Each structure stands twice: as C-alpha cells, then as structure tokens.
Amino acid sequence: MVAALDGGFFGLPMDAVVAGYVYQAPARFLLYVLMASVGSALGSIVIYVIGYRGGEELLRKRMSPERFEKIHRAFDQHPFWALMFPAMLPPPTPFKLFVLAAAVSEMGFVRFLLAVFSGRMVRFLVLALLTLKFGPDAVRLIGAIFQRHYYVVITLAAAALVAWLMHRWAGKPQKANK
C-alpha cells in the first residue's frame, strides 16, 4: 500500500521502509522486495493514465524542449530500457517524469508495468542485499553519496549500460548478405 502511494502520488521514503522491514525480518527480504516492486508498479498506473490522456502539455511545462525531445527519442528507440533504468535509480531521480514520458510516448501498458516492476525489483533487491550485509546505516551512506555525486553515479551507470548493450550486440551473429 505504501509503495503504491509512493508510485502514484507522494514521494515517500520507500528505501527506508524496505530497509527497515528487511533489517527486522531478514528471512522475508524477498517478500518485501516483491511487495514494494508490485506496489510501485501499480501506483505508477495513476501517472501513466494522466500522461496517456494528455500529459504531453504537463511534461513540456516541466522540462526544456531539448530534454523533452531527448527523452521522447529514447522511448521511441528503447521504450523498456528508457523506463526500467530510471526505475532502478534511487531519489532524487525524477522517476514520475519518466513514467509520464512513457505514457506520452504511448508505451504499451503491459510493457510499462513490466519495466517499472523490473526496475524497482532490481533497486529494492540491491537495497535489501546491502541492508542484510551492512545494515541500514550503509544504505543511508550510499544514499548520501548518490545525492552528493548524482551526475557521476548516473554517468557511471549509463556507461555500464552502454557497455553491456555493446557487448550484447557484439555477441550476436551477423546475417550474411546473399
């Protein structure tokens, strides 16, 4: 329920909630990760519907024309990754703007839910594993580092994604021209 409210309306501290539950009952960490991921995906439906019914004007008010076009192109080329990647990132990533952009770009509903769920699943699973290994203080420390060095972390994560995509592309056999 808390994750659905976070995904749809308010920016709630889901990382702290999940880390707290995981720390108190470590054996149930997968259940908490799953519940938070499902709740976040379901809560995001509200913003998706708003965006699908005319959110382009709202989105254009919130960002520069260049940024709008860049995000729109990303959703045209790789809709799943354009939403899943921001779903994995912790605050202050403006995730709700990406959800709105997915709807404005008319991303398919099932693909939308799967991308949000998958991204949040990765995010909350990493959070849970860090909490299990180092305790909730480590999660706060990592969050503080992320906030102070936001662009460095984003650049490194984007570089890792590009490297992975290039590796994957390079591994596919090329079709022979006949």
C-alpha atoms as a PDB file:
ATOM      1  CA  MET A   1       0.000   0.000   0.000  1.00  0.00           C
ATOM      2  CA  VAL A   2       2.810   2.422   0.923  1.00  0.00           C
ATOM      3  CA  ALA A   3       4.655   1.602  -2.314  1.00  0.00           C
ATOM      4  CA  ALA A   4       1.500   2.223  -4.356  1.00  0.00           C
ATOM      5  CA  LEU A   5       1.078   5.639  -2.736  1.00  0.00           C
ATOM      6  CA  ASP A   6       4.740   6.365  -3.431  1.00  0.00           C
ATOM      7  CA  GLY A   7       4.420   5.313  -7.060  1.00  0.00           C
ATOM      8  CA  GLY A   8       1.223   7.184  -7.743  1.00  0.00           C
ATOM      9  CA  PHE A   9       1.014  10.283  -5.633  1.00  0.00           C
ATOM     10  CA  PHE A  10       3.524  11.147  -2.965  1.00  0.00           C
ATOM     11  CA  GLY A  11       7.264  10.770  -2.829  1.00  0.00           C
ATOM     12  CA  LEU A  12       7.531   8.520   0.222  1.00  0.00           C
ATOM     13  CA  PRO A  13      10.813   7.168   1.626  1.00  0.00           C
ATOM     14  CA  MET A  14      10.358   3.646   0.241  1.00  0.00           C
ATOM     15  CA  ASP A  15      14.056   2.829   0.577  1.00  0.00           C
ATOM     16  CA  ALA A  16      13.907   3.442   4.319  1.00  0.00           C
ATOM     17  CA  VAL A  17      10.677   1.449   4.640  1.00  0.00           C
ATOM     18  CA  VAL A  18      12.032  -1.551   2.728  1.00  0.00           C
ATOM     19  CA  ALA A  19      15.398  -1.413   4.539  1.00  0.00           C
ATOM     20  CA  GLY A  20      13.610  -1.255   7.888  1.00  0.00           C
ATOM     21  CA  TYR A  21      11.452  -4.273   7.158  1.00  0.00           C
ATOM     22  CA  VAL A  22      14.393  -6.253   5.780  1.00  0.00           C
ATOM     23  CA  TYR A  23      16.511  -5.423   8.821  1.00  0.00           C
ATOM     24  CA  GLN A  24      13.743  -6.507  11.219  1.00  0.00           C
ATOM     25  CA  ALA A  25      12.889  -9.759   9.409  1.00  0.00           C
ATOM     26  CA  PRO A  26      15.795 -10.816   7.160  1.00  0.00           C
ATOM     27  CA  ALA A  27      14.225 -14.144   6.208  1.00  0.00           C
ATOM     28  CA  ARG A  28      11.387 -12.307   4.461  1.00  0.00           C
ATOM     29  CA  PHE A  29      13.518  -9.937   2.397  1.00  0.00           C
ATOM     30  CA  LEU A  30      12.302 -11.325  -0.954  1.00  0.00           C
ATOM     31  CA  LEU A  31       8.692 -10.857   0.108  1.00  0.00           C
ATOM     32  CA  TYR A  32       9.357  -7.208   0.999  1.00  0.00           C
ATOM     33  CA  VAL A  33      11.211  -6.612  -2.264  1.00  0.00           C
ATOM     34  CA  LEU A  34       8.378  -8.180  -4.250  1.00  0.00           C
ATOM     35  CA  MET A  35       5.670  -6.258  -2.374  1.00  0.00           C
ATOM     36  CA  ALA A  36       7.456  -2.921  -2.820  1.00  0.00           C
ATOM     37  CA  SER A  37       8.037  -3.598  -6.530  1.00  0.00           C
ATOM     38  CA  VAL A  38       4.446  -4.614  -7.229  1.00  0.00           C
ATOM     39  CA  GLY A  39       3.111  -1.689  -5.205  1.00  0.00           C
ATOM     40  CA  SER A  40       5.308   0.782  -7.033  1.00  0.00           C
ATOM     41  CA  ALA A  41       4.257  -0.575 -10.439  1.00  0.00           C
ATOM     42  CA  LEU A  42       0.573  -0.474  -9.526  1.00  0.00           C
ATOM     43  CA  GLY A  43       0.846   3.015  -8.061  1.00  0.00           C
ATOM     44  CA  SER A  44       2.519   4.264 -11.235  1.00  0.00           C
ATOM     45  CA  ILE A  45      -0.630   3.432 -13.183  1.00  0.00           C
ATOM     46  CA  VAL A  46      -2.198   6.680 -11.940  1.00  0.00           C
ATOM     47  CA  ILE A  47       0.541   8.796 -13.522  1.00  0.00           C
ATOM     48  CA  TYR A  48       0.502   6.628 -16.642  1.00  0.00           C
ATOM     49  CA  VAL A  49      -3.223   7.270 -17.121  1.00  0.00           C
ATOM     50  CA  ILE A  50      -2.754  11.020 -16.605  1.00  0.00           C
ATOM     51  CA  GLY A  51       0.064  11.041 -19.158  1.00  0.00           C
ATOM     52  CA  TYR A  52      -1.822   8.909 -21.646  1.00  0.00           C
ATOM     53  CA  ARG A  53      -4.853  11.213 -21.512  1.00  0.00           C
ATOM     54  CA  GLY A  54      -2.975  14.383 -22.242  1.00  0.00           C
ATOM     55  CA  GLY A  55       0.168  14.638 -20.190  1.00  0.00           C
ATOM     56  CA  GLU A  56       2.314  15.978 -23.006  1.00  0.00           C
ATOM     57  CA  GLU A  57       1.482  19.572 -22.102  1.00  0.00           C
ATOM     58  CA  LEU A  58       2.232  18.877 -18.444  1.00  0.00           C
ATOM     59  CA  LEU A  59       5.518  17.204 -19.354  1.00  0.00           C
ATOM     60  CA  ARG A  60       6.561  20.056 -21.649  1.00  0.00           C
ATOM     61  CA  LYS A  61       5.993  22.515 -18.777  1.00  0.00           C
ATOM     62  CA  ARG A  62       8.320  20.551 -16.514  1.00  0.00           C
ATOM     63  CA  MET A  63      11.344  20.249 -18.828  1.00  0.00           C
ATOM     64  CA  SER A  64      13.179  22.047 -21.590  1.00  0.00           C
ATOM     65  CA  PRO A  65      12.231  21.300 -25.213  1.00  0.00           C
ATOM     66  CA  GLU A  66      15.642  19.704 -25.805  1.00  0.00           C
ATOM     67  CA  ARG A  67      15.269  17.377 -22.845  1.00  0.00           C
ATOM     68  CA  PHE A  68      11.692  16.528 -23.844  1.00  0.00           C
ATOM     69  CA  GLU A  69      12.835  15.539 -27.342  1.00  0.00           C
ATOM     70  CA  LYS A  70      15.759  13.520 -25.972  1.00  0.00           C
ATOM     71  CA  ILE A  71      13.504  11.526 -23.634  1.00  0.00           C
ATOM     72  CA  HIS A  72      10.867  11.116 -26.336  1.00  0.00           C
ATOM     73  CA  ARG A  73      13.506   9.711 -28.732  1.00  0.00           C
ATOM     74  CA  ALA A  74      14.717   7.320 -26.031  1.00  0.00           C
ATOM     75  CA  PHE A  75      11.184   5.990 -25.601  1.00  0.00           C
ATOM     76  CA  ASP A  76      10.788   5.645 -29.360  1.00  0.00           C
ATOM     77  CA  GLN A  77      14.033   3.663 -29.697  1.00  0.00           C
ATOM     78  CA  HIS A  78      14.154   1.609 -26.478  1.00  0.00           C
ATOM     79  CA  PRO A  79      10.911   2.038 -24.523  1.00  0.00           C
ATOM     80  CA  PHE A  80      11.526  -0.743 -21.996  1.00  0.00           C
ATOM     81  CA  TRP A  81      15.068   0.359 -21.077  1.00  0.00           C
ATOM     82  CA  ALA A  82      14.132   4.047 -21.093  1.00  0.00           C
ATOM     83  CA  LEU A  83      11.766   3.352 -18.199  1.00  0.00           C
ATOM     84  CA  MET A  84      13.438   0.426 -16.450  1.00  0.00           C
ATOM     85  CA  PHE A  85      16.765   2.203 -15.990  1.00  0.00           C
ATOM     86  CA  PRO A  86      15.283   5.255 -14.165  1.00  0.00           C
ATOM     87  CA  ALA A  87      13.101   2.867 -12.114  1.00  0.00           C
ATOM     88  CA  MET A  88      16.281   1.311 -10.708  1.00  0.00           C
ATOM     89  CA  LEU A  89      17.752   4.611  -9.581  1.00  0.00           C
ATOM     90  CA  PRO A  90      17.141   5.994  -6.089  1.00  0.00           C
ATOM     91  CA  PRO A  91      15.985   9.533  -5.318  1.00  0.00           C
ATOM     92  CA  PRO A  92      16.490  12.282  -6.428  1.00  0.00           C
ATOM     93  CA  THR A  93      15.872  10.696  -9.854  1.00  0.00           C
ATOM     94  CA  PRO A  94      12.654  12.295 -11.195  1.00  0.00           C
ATOM     95  CA  PHE A  95      11.051   8.911 -11.826  1.00  0.00           C
ATOM     96  CA  LYS A  96       7.478  10.209 -12.116  1.00  0.00           C
ATOM     97  CA  LEU A  97       8.544  12.362 -15.076  1.00  0.00           C
ATOM     98  CA  PHE A  98       9.821   9.221 -16.812  1.00  0.00           C
ATOM     99  CA  VAL A  99       6.513   7.469 -16.106  1.00  0.00           C
ATOM    100  CA  LEU A 100       4.698  10.455 -17.589  1.00  0.00           C
ATOM    101  CA  ALA A 101       7.047  10.388 -20.597  1.00  0.00           C
ATOM    102  CA  ALA A 102       6.350   6.677 -21.107  1.00  0.00           C
ATOM    103  CA  ALA A 103       2.628   7.378 -21.271  1.00  0.00           C
ATOM    104  CA  VAL A 104       3.043  10.409 -23.536  1.00  0.00           C
ATOM    105  CA  SER A 105       5.148   8.212 -25.841  1.00  0.00           C
ATOM    106  CA  GLU A 106       2.262   5.731 -25.828  1.00  0.00           C
ATOM    107  CA  MET A 107       4.300   2.901 -24.367  1.00  0.00           C
ATOM    108  CA  GLY A 108       2.232  -0.282 -24.221  1.00  0.00           C
ATOM    109  CA  PHE A 109       0.575  -0.837 -20.853  1.00  0.00           C
ATOM    110  CA  VAL A 110       1.926  -4.351 -20.201  1.00  0.00           C
ATOM    111  CA  ARG A 111       5.436  -3.306 -21.225  1.00  0.00           C
ATOM    112  CA  PHE A 112       5.080  -0.254 -18.977  1.00  0.00           C
ATOM    113  CA  LEU A 113       4.125  -2.364 -15.937  1.00  0.00           C
ATOM    114  CA  LEU A 114       6.889  -4.859 -16.637  1.00  0.00           C
ATOM    115  CA  ALA A 115       9.524  -2.120 -16.982  1.00  0.00           C
ATOM    116  CA  VAL A 116       8.509  -0.403 -13.732  1.00  0.00           C
ATOM    117  CA  PHE A 117       8.270  -3.704 -11.863  1.00  0.00           C
ATOM    118  CA  SER A 118      11.631  -4.939 -13.193  1.00  0.00           C
ATOM    119  CA  GLY A 119      13.455  -1.711 -12.427  1.00  0.00           C
ATOM    120  CA  ARG A 120      12.007  -1.446  -8.946  1.00  0.00           C
ATOM    121  CA  MET A 121      12.723  -5.135  -8.321  1.00  0.00           C
ATOM    122  CA  VAL A 122      16.409  -4.578  -9.111  1.00  0.00           C
ATOM    123  CA  ARG A 123      16.504  -1.430  -6.985  1.00  0.00           C
ATOM    124  CA  PHE A 124      14.829  -2.947  -3.937  1.00  0.00           C
ATOM    125  CA  LEU A 125      16.749  -6.224  -4.243  1.00  0.00           C
ATOM    126  CA  VAL A 126      20.080  -4.381  -4.206  1.00  0.00           C
ATOM    127  CA  LEU A 127      18.821  -2.314  -1.276  1.00  0.00           C
ATOM    128  CA  ALA A 128      17.746  -5.445   0.621  1.00  0.00           C
ATOM    129  CA  LEU A 129      21.054  -7.208  -0.003  1.00  0.00           C
ATOM    130  CA  LEU A 130      23.007  -4.155   1.154  1.00  0.00           C
ATOM    131  CA  THR A 131      20.826  -3.962   4.256  1.00  0.00           C
ATOM    132  CA  LEU A 132      21.379  -7.649   5.004  1.00  0.00           C
ATOM    133  CA  LYS A 133      25.126  -7.336   4.515  1.00  0.00           C
ATOM    134  CA  PHE A 134      25.855  -3.979   6.131  1.00  0.00           C
ATOM    135  CA  GLY A 135      22.733  -2.858   7.990  1.00  0.00           C
ATOM    136  CA  PRO A 136      20.536   0.177   7.389  1.00  0.00           C
ATOM    137  CA  ASP A 137      23.349   2.671   8.094  1.00  0.00           C
ATOM    138  CA  ALA A 138      25.152   1.565   4.931  1.00  0.00           C
ATOM    139  CA  VAL A 139      22.015   2.257   2.903  1.00  0.00           C
ATOM    140  CA  ARG A 140      21.884   5.810   4.284  1.00  0.00           C
ATOM    141  CA  LEU A 141      25.576   6.304   3.483  1.00  0.00           C
ATOM    142  CA  ILE A 142      25.147   5.108  -0.098  1.00  0.00           C
ATOM    143  CA  GLY A 143      22.102   7.374  -0.478  1.00  0.00           C
ATOM    144  CA  ALA A 144      24.123  10.357   0.739  1.00  0.00           C
ATOM    145  CA  ILE A 145      26.937   9.552  -1.713  1.00  0.00           C
ATOM    146  CA  PHE A 146      24.397   9.262  -4.527  1.00  0.00           C
ATOM    147  CA  GLN A 147      22.858  12.635  -3.693  1.00  0.00           C
ATOM    148  CA  ARG A 148      26.221  14.409  -3.460  1.00  0.00           C
ATOM    149  CA  HIS A 149      27.616  12.824  -6.636  1.00  0.00           C
ATOM    150  CA  TYR A 150      24.409  12.382  -8.631  1.00  0.00           C
ATOM    151  CA  TYR A 151      25.866  13.105 -12.078  1.00  0.00           C
ATOM    152  CA  VAL A 152      28.930  10.932 -11.542  1.00  0.00           C
ATOM    153  CA  VAL A 153      26.774   7.981 -10.462  1.00  0.00           C
ATOM    154  CA  ILE A 154      24.369   8.492 -13.376  1.00  0.00           C
ATOM    155  CA  THR A 155      27.263   8.741 -15.838  1.00  0.00           C
ATOM    156  CA  LEU A 156      28.867   5.551 -14.495  1.00  0.00           C
ATOM    157  CA  ALA A 157      25.548   3.687 -14.571  1.00  0.00           C
ATOM    158  CA  ALA A 158      24.850   4.867 -18.130  1.00  0.00           C
ATOM    159  CA  ALA A 159      28.358   3.858 -19.207  1.00  0.00           C
ATOM    160  CA  ALA A 160      27.841   0.407 -17.688  1.00  0.00           C
ATOM    161  CA  LEU A 161      24.529   0.054 -19.532  1.00  0.00           C
ATOM    162  CA  VAL A 162      26.095   1.123 -22.850  1.00  0.00           C
ATOM    163  CA  ALA A 163      28.993  -1.298 -22.324  1.00  0.00           C
ATOM    164  CA  TRP A 164      26.569  -4.124 -21.608  1.00  0.00           C
ATOM    165  CA  LEU A 165      24.463  -3.297 -24.683  1.00  0.00           C
ATOM    166  CA  MET A 166      27.575  -3.135 -26.887  1.00  0.00           C
ATOM    167  CA  HIS A 167      28.795  -6.461 -25.506  1.00  0.00           C
ATOM    168  CA  ARG A 168      25.408  -7.994 -26.159  1.00  0.00           C
ATOM    169  CA  TRP A 169      25.264  -6.539 -29.671  1.00  0.00           C
ATOM    170  CA  ALA A 170      28.793  -7.691 -30.480  1.00  0.00           C
ATOM    171  CA  GLY A 171      27.955 -11.230 -29.406  1.00  0.00           C
ATOM    172  CA  LYS A 172      25.073 -11.627 -31.876  1.00  0.00           C
ATOM    173  CA  PRO A 173      25.948 -13.381 -35.122  1.00  0.00           C
ATOM    174  CA  GLN A 174      25.723 -11.130 -38.176  1.00  0.00           C
ATOM    175  CA  LYS A 175      23.410 -12.171 -41.004  1.00  0.00           C
ATOM    176  CA  ALA A 176      25.236 -12.880 -44.237  1.00  0.00           C
ATOM    177  CA  ASN A 177      24.181 -10.887 -47.308  1.00  0.00           C
ATOM    178  CA  LYS A 178      23.217 -13.153 -50.188  1.00  0.00           C
END
